N, C-alpha and C. Protein backbone atom coordinates (compact mmCIF):
# COMPACT_ATOMS: atom_id res chain seq x y z
N UNK A 1 -7.75 -14.73 -0.54
CA UNK A 1 -7.39 -13.77 -1.75
C UNK A 1 -6.11 -13.48 -1.52
N UNK A 2 -4.98 -13.16 -2.02
CA UNK A 2 -3.38 -13.17 -1.59
C UNK A 2 -3.44 -11.49 -2.49
N UNK A 3 -2.33 -10.73 -1.82
CA UNK A 3 -2.20 -8.82 -2.68
C UNK A 3 -1.02 -8.96 -2.36
N UNK A 4 -0.31 -8.27 -3.46
CA UNK A 4 0.85 -7.41 -3.22
C UNK A 4 0.65 -6.37 -3.85
N UNK A 5 1.75 -5.19 -3.18
CA UNK A 5 1.64 -3.86 -3.63
C UNK A 5 3.10 -3.73 -4.15
N UNK A 6 3.69 -3.24 -5.06
CA UNK A 6 4.92 -2.69 -5.48
C UNK A 6 4.62 -1.59 -5.46
N UNK A 7 5.81 -0.82 -5.02
CA UNK A 7 5.91 0.69 -4.87
C UNK A 7 7.36 0.76 -5.72
N UNK A 8 7.31 1.83 -6.61
CA UNK A 8 8.27 2.50 -7.38
C UNK A 8 8.26 3.82 -7.66
N UNK A 9 9.55 4.09 -8.36
CA UNK A 9 8.93 5.68 -9.21
C UNK A 9 8.91 6.01 -10.37
N UNK A 10 8.19 7.00 -10.94
CA UNK A 10 7.65 6.59 -12.16
C UNK A 10 6.90 7.83 -12.42
N UNK A 11 7.76 8.69 -13.44
CA UNK A 11 7.57 9.67 -14.12
C UNK A 11 5.99 9.74 -14.40
N UNK A 12 4.96 10.54 -13.77
CA UNK A 12 3.43 10.84 -14.08
C UNK A 12 3.22 10.99 -15.30
N UNK A 13 4.19 11.00 -16.75
CA UNK A 13 3.66 11.49 -17.65
C UNK A 13 3.94 10.04 -18.43
N UNK A 14 4.58 9.01 -17.74
CA UNK A 14 4.75 7.69 -18.57
C UNK A 14 3.21 7.26 -18.59
N UNK A 15 2.71 7.17 -17.25
CA UNK A 15 1.12 6.41 -17.06
C UNK A 15 0.28 5.99 -18.47
N UNK A 16 0.32 6.44 -19.32
CA UNK A 16 -0.47 6.03 -20.40
C UNK A 16 0.84 4.98 -21.19
N UNK A 17 2.00 4.89 -21.45
CA UNK A 17 2.86 3.84 -21.83
C UNK A 17 2.47 2.46 -21.12
N UNK A 18 2.91 2.69 -19.45
CA UNK A 18 2.94 1.73 -18.60
C UNK A 18 1.38 0.98 -18.92
N UNK A 19 0.60 1.70 -18.96
CA UNK A 19 -0.93 1.28 -18.77
C UNK A 19 -1.48 0.41 -20.19
N UNK A 20 -0.65 1.09 -21.21
CA UNK A 20 -0.62 0.09 -22.32
C UNK A 20 -0.23 -1.23 -22.32
N UNK A 21 0.82 -0.66 -22.24
CA UNK A 21 1.97 -2.41 -22.25
C UNK A 21 1.31 -3.54 -21.38
N UNK A 22 0.69 -2.72 -19.77
CA UNK A 22 -0.26 -3.78 -19.15
C UNK A 22 -1.30 -4.56 -19.77
N UNK A 23 -1.81 -3.71 -20.50
CA UNK A 23 -3.22 -4.01 -21.11
C UNK A 23 -3.01 -5.29 -22.16
N UNK A 24 -1.96 -5.08 -22.44
CA UNK A 24 -1.23 -5.78 -23.86
C UNK A 24 -1.38 -7.28 -23.42
N UNK A 25 -0.50 -6.82 -21.96
CA UNK A 25 -0.29 -8.39 -21.14
C UNK A 25 -1.40 -8.82 -20.42
N UNK A 26 -2.08 -8.22 -20.35
CA UNK A 26 -3.23 -8.96 -19.98
C UNK A 26 -4.28 -9.29 -20.41
N UNK A 27 -4.27 -8.98 -21.69
CA UNK A 27 -5.27 -9.65 -22.90
C UNK A 27 -4.44 -11.22 -23.19
N UNK A 28 -3.39 -11.39 -22.43
CA UNK A 28 -3.14 -13.12 -22.99
C UNK A 28 -3.55 -13.72 -21.60
N UNK A 29 -2.94 -15.05 -21.91
CA UNK A 29 -3.45 -16.02 -20.45
C UNK A 29 -2.48 -15.84 -19.21
N UNK A 30 -1.65 -14.92 -19.38
CA UNK A 30 -0.38 -14.68 -18.69
C UNK A 30 -1.21 -14.20 -17.29
N UNK A 31 -2.37 -13.58 -16.90
CA UNK A 31 -2.62 -13.17 -15.49
C UNK A 31 -3.20 -14.61 -15.20
N UNK A 32 -3.60 -14.92 -16.39
CA UNK A 32 -4.36 -16.63 -15.57
C UNK A 32 -3.45 -17.59 -15.09
N UNK A 33 -2.50 -17.23 -16.19
CA UNK A 33 -0.92 -18.44 -15.54
C UNK A 33 -0.50 -17.83 -14.38
N UNK A 34 -0.76 -16.52 -13.71
CA UNK A 34 -0.06 -15.87 -12.39
C UNK A 34 -1.06 -16.04 -11.58
N UNK A 35 -2.42 -16.58 -11.47
CA UNK A 35 -3.06 -16.81 -10.55
C UNK A 35 -4.00 -15.38 -9.90
N UNK A 36 -3.70 -13.97 -11.17
CA UNK A 36 -3.48 -12.56 -11.22
C UNK A 36 -5.19 -12.71 -11.30
N UNK A 37 -6.12 -11.87 -10.61
CA UNK A 37 -7.59 -11.96 -10.69
C UNK A 37 -7.98 -10.28 -10.91
N UNK A 38 -6.81 -9.61 -10.22
CA UNK A 38 -7.35 -8.21 -10.40
C UNK A 38 -5.89 -7.64 -10.40
N UNK A 39 -5.57 -6.62 -11.59
CA UNK A 39 -4.24 -5.90 -11.24
C UNK A 39 -4.71 -4.25 -11.29
N UNK A 40 -4.26 -3.21 -10.85
CA UNK A 40 -4.69 -1.83 -10.38
C UNK A 40 -3.31 -1.15 -10.24
N UNK A 41 -3.21 0.05 -10.91
CA UNK A 41 -2.08 0.86 -11.43
C UNK A 41 -2.24 2.13 -10.64
N UNK A 42 -1.36 2.74 -9.87
CA UNK A 42 -1.99 4.13 -9.23
C UNK A 42 -0.86 4.86 -9.43
N UNK A 43 -0.64 5.85 -9.42
CA UNK A 43 0.36 7.08 -9.23
C UNK A 43 0.37 8.46 -8.66
N UNK A 44 0.79 8.67 -8.14
CA UNK A 44 0.82 9.99 -7.10
C UNK A 44 2.36 10.41 -6.96
N UNK A 45 2.55 11.65 -7.52
CA UNK A 45 3.60 12.17 -7.07
C UNK A 45 5.02 11.71 -7.46
N UNK A 46 4.83 11.15 -8.30
CA UNK A 46 6.18 10.76 -8.99
C UNK A 46 6.45 8.89 -8.70
N UNK A 47 5.69 8.13 -7.66
CA UNK A 47 5.54 7.18 -7.20
C UNK A 47 4.75 6.21 -8.35
N UNK A 48 4.76 4.77 -8.26
CA UNK A 48 3.93 3.79 -8.73
C UNK A 48 3.57 3.09 -8.07
N UNK A 49 2.26 2.52 -8.04
CA UNK A 49 1.72 1.03 -6.88
C UNK A 49 1.44 0.73 -8.03
N UNK A 50 1.75 -0.55 -7.43
CA UNK A 50 0.82 -1.99 -8.34
C UNK A 50 0.64 -2.74 -7.47
N UNK A 51 -1.16 -2.51 -7.51
CA UNK A 51 -1.51 -3.88 -6.49
C UNK A 51 -1.68 -4.67 -7.18
N UNK A 52 -1.69 -6.03 -7.06
CA UNK A 52 -2.25 -7.47 -7.67
C UNK A 52 -2.72 -8.20 -6.66
N UNK A 53 -3.89 -8.91 -7.13
CA UNK A 53 -4.52 -9.41 -6.48
C UNK A 53 -4.76 -11.16 -6.91
N UNK A 54 -4.28 -12.07 -6.14
CA UNK A 54 -4.16 -13.44 -6.40
C UNK A 54 -5.39 -13.98 -6.08
N UNK A 55 -5.79 -15.26 -6.64
CA UNK A 55 -6.42 -16.26 -6.22
C UNK A 55 -5.88 -17.21 -5.57
N UNK A 56 -6.18 -17.64 -4.34
CA UNK A 56 -5.66 -18.35 -3.09
C UNK A 56 -4.35 -17.63 -2.29
N UNK A 57 -3.86 -18.29 -2.08
CA UNK A 57 -2.60 -17.58 -0.72
C UNK A 57 -1.20 -18.00 -1.42
N UNK A 58 -0.96 -18.35 -3.32
CA UNK A 58 0.44 -18.27 -3.78
C UNK A 58 0.54 -17.81 -5.13
N UNK A 59 0.43 -16.45 -4.95
CA UNK A 59 0.24 -15.24 -6.26
C UNK A 59 1.96 -15.51 -6.48
N UNK A 60 2.81 -15.25 -5.13
CA UNK A 60 4.38 -15.25 -5.30
C UNK A 60 4.72 -16.56 -5.79
N UNK A 61 4.23 -17.83 -5.34
CA UNK A 61 4.91 -19.01 -6.02
C UNK A 61 4.73 -19.28 -7.60
N UNK A 62 3.31 -18.56 -8.24
CA UNK A 62 2.94 -18.78 -9.54
C UNK A 62 3.87 -17.56 -10.19
N UNK A 63 3.94 -16.34 -9.21
CA UNK A 63 4.86 -15.57 -10.48
C UNK A 63 6.33 -15.33 -10.42
N UNK A 64 6.93 -16.45 -9.42
CA UNK A 64 8.25 -17.14 -9.74
C UNK A 64 8.14 -18.18 -10.71
N UNK A 65 7.34 -19.04 -11.00
CA UNK A 65 6.80 -20.01 -11.88
C UNK A 65 7.02 -18.92 -13.89
N UNK A 66 6.09 -18.13 -13.37
CA UNK A 66 6.09 -17.51 -14.66
C UNK A 66 7.38 -16.29 -15.29
N UNK A 67 8.04 -16.25 -14.16
CA UNK A 67 8.80 -15.33 -14.87
C UNK A 67 9.81 -15.95 -15.87
N UNK A 68 10.23 -17.06 -16.35
CA UNK A 68 10.74 -17.30 -17.67
C UNK A 68 10.11 -16.94 -18.59
N UNK A 69 9.01 -17.18 -18.56
CA UNK A 69 8.05 -17.14 -19.97
C UNK A 69 8.42 -15.53 -20.68
N UNK A 70 8.87 -16.05 -22.02
CA UNK A 70 9.17 -14.71 -22.89
C UNK A 70 8.44 -13.51 -22.61
N UNK A 71 7.25 -13.76 -22.46
CA UNK A 71 5.74 -12.62 -22.02
C UNK A 71 6.01 -11.95 -21.19
N UNK A 72 6.42 -12.63 -20.17
CA UNK A 72 6.89 -11.58 -18.90
C UNK A 72 8.14 -10.67 -18.64
N UNK A 73 9.37 -11.78 -19.17
CA UNK A 73 10.72 -10.89 -19.67
C UNK A 73 10.13 -9.75 -20.48
N UNK A 74 9.64 -10.00 -21.46
CA UNK A 74 9.25 -9.10 -22.23
C UNK A 74 8.75 -7.51 -22.18
N UNK A 75 7.46 -7.82 -20.72
CA UNK A 75 7.24 -6.38 -20.41
C UNK A 75 8.09 -6.17 -19.00
N UNK A 76 8.62 -6.90 -18.83
CA UNK A 76 9.75 -6.77 -17.70
C UNK A 76 10.47 -5.25 -18.35
N UNK A 77 11.67 -5.88 -19.29
CA UNK A 77 12.30 -5.04 -20.25
C UNK A 77 11.15 -4.16 -20.97
N UNK A 78 10.72 -4.04 -21.47
CA UNK A 78 9.47 -3.07 -22.12
C UNK A 78 9.37 -1.78 -20.52
N UNK A 79 9.27 -2.39 -19.33
CA UNK A 79 8.70 -1.13 -18.15
C UNK A 79 9.88 -0.70 -17.79
N UNK A 80 11.04 -1.41 -18.28
CA UNK A 80 12.48 -0.52 -17.40
C UNK A 80 12.82 1.21 -18.14
N UNK A 81 12.06 1.83 -18.94
CA UNK A 81 12.47 3.11 -19.37
C UNK A 81 11.53 3.87 -18.63
N UNK A 82 10.52 3.24 -17.66
CA UNK A 82 9.51 4.17 -17.18
C UNK A 82 9.37 4.22 -15.88
N UNK A 83 9.55 2.56 -15.37
CA UNK A 83 9.31 2.33 -13.93
C UNK A 83 11.01 2.14 -13.18
N UNK A 84 11.47 2.88 -12.30
CA UNK A 84 12.54 3.14 -11.87
C UNK A 84 12.45 2.12 -10.27
N UNK A 85 13.74 1.74 -9.54
CA UNK A 85 13.37 1.03 -8.27
C UNK A 85 13.48 2.42 -7.27
N UNK A 86 12.24 2.51 -6.46
CA UNK A 86 12.56 3.34 -5.09
C UNK A 86 13.54 3.81 -4.78
N UNK A 87 14.31 2.40 -4.31
CA UNK A 87 15.73 2.63 -3.63
C UNK A 87 16.65 1.92 -4.73
N UNK A 88 17.25 2.39 -5.82
CA UNK A 88 17.99 1.47 -6.53
C UNK A 88 19.10 0.63 -5.92
N UNK A 89 19.52 1.32 -4.31
CA UNK A 89 20.67 0.77 -4.01
C UNK A 89 20.39 -0.47 -3.27
N UNK A 90 19.31 -0.67 -2.92
CA UNK A 90 18.79 -2.04 -2.63
C UNK A 90 18.32 -3.00 -3.09
N UNK A 91 17.77 -2.39 -3.66
CA UNK A 91 16.85 -3.59 -5.46
C UNK A 91 17.68 -4.38 -5.71
N UNK A 92 16.98 -5.41 -5.87
CA UNK A 92 17.64 -6.75 -6.19
C UNK A 92 16.20 -7.85 -7.10
N UNK A 93 15.61 -7.81 -6.50
CA UNK A 93 14.57 -8.08 -7.17
C UNK A 93 13.15 -7.50 -7.12
N UNK A 94 11.80 -7.89 -7.63
CA UNK A 94 10.77 -7.05 -7.22
C UNK A 94 10.29 -7.23 -5.91
N UNK A 95 11.01 -8.39 -5.17
CA UNK A 95 10.56 -8.65 -3.69
C UNK A 95 11.04 -7.57 -2.82
N UNK A 96 12.08 -6.62 -3.30
CA UNK A 96 12.57 -5.57 -2.68
C UNK A 96 11.76 -4.52 -2.69
N UNK A 97 10.43 -4.25 -3.80
CA UNK A 97 9.90 -3.11 -3.85
C UNK A 97 8.49 -3.27 -3.26
N UNK A 98 8.21 -4.66 -2.58
CA UNK A 98 6.72 -4.89 -2.22
C UNK A 98 6.39 -4.50 -0.87
N UNK A 99 5.93 -3.31 -0.80
CA UNK A 99 4.81 -2.85 0.45
C UNK A 99 4.74 -3.90 1.49
N UNK A 100 4.86 -3.94 2.73
CA UNK A 100 4.56 -4.72 3.92
C UNK A 100 2.57 -4.37 4.31
N UNK A 101 1.78 -5.26 4.40
CA UNK A 101 0.89 -4.88 5.14
C UNK A 101 0.76 -5.11 6.36
N UNK A 102 0.41 -3.92 7.11
CA UNK A 102 0.50 -3.76 8.58
C UNK A 102 -0.80 -3.96 9.20
N UNK A 103 -2.05 -3.53 8.44
CA UNK A 103 -3.02 -3.55 8.75
C UNK A 103 -4.40 -3.95 7.78
N UNK A 104 -5.33 -4.77 7.98
CA UNK A 104 -6.31 -5.12 6.92
C UNK A 104 -7.89 -5.41 7.31
N UNK A 105 -8.40 -4.92 6.99
CA UNK A 105 -10.11 -4.99 7.49
C UNK A 105 -11.04 -5.30 6.13
N UNK A 106 -11.93 -6.22 6.43
CA UNK A 106 -13.14 -5.93 5.20
C UNK A 106 -14.30 -6.53 5.96
N UNK A 107 -15.08 -6.21 5.21
CA UNK A 107 -16.93 -6.36 5.83
C UNK A 107 -17.18 -7.75 6.01
N UNK A 108 -17.65 -7.88 6.89
CA UNK A 108 -18.39 -9.81 6.84
C UNK A 108 -19.57 -9.44 5.82
N UNK A 109 -19.37 -11.04 5.46
CA UNK A 109 -21.09 -11.38 4.37
C UNK A 109 -21.85 -10.89 5.11
């Protein structure tokens, strides 16, 4: 499994609006098209964390392919009033908001 963690800024009062948009998006076939296995959204003191788990190691490739789908474009536009770049001066794409994993552990089977 491959995971990504996007970090941005969000007014905590927007969490219901953001969750609603993702709930609508996740009811379509888009998560399957992108290889998404699980999505989790977190908020902490004005920060937004979007943890997404993918089947296999190609989550980024599938998202790149899906970025032109009208549903992906629509949710990206709908989230703009609620989610702001962590550092607007350096943000060019979602890749600029992805946290880098520096440690991983999981229980053995």
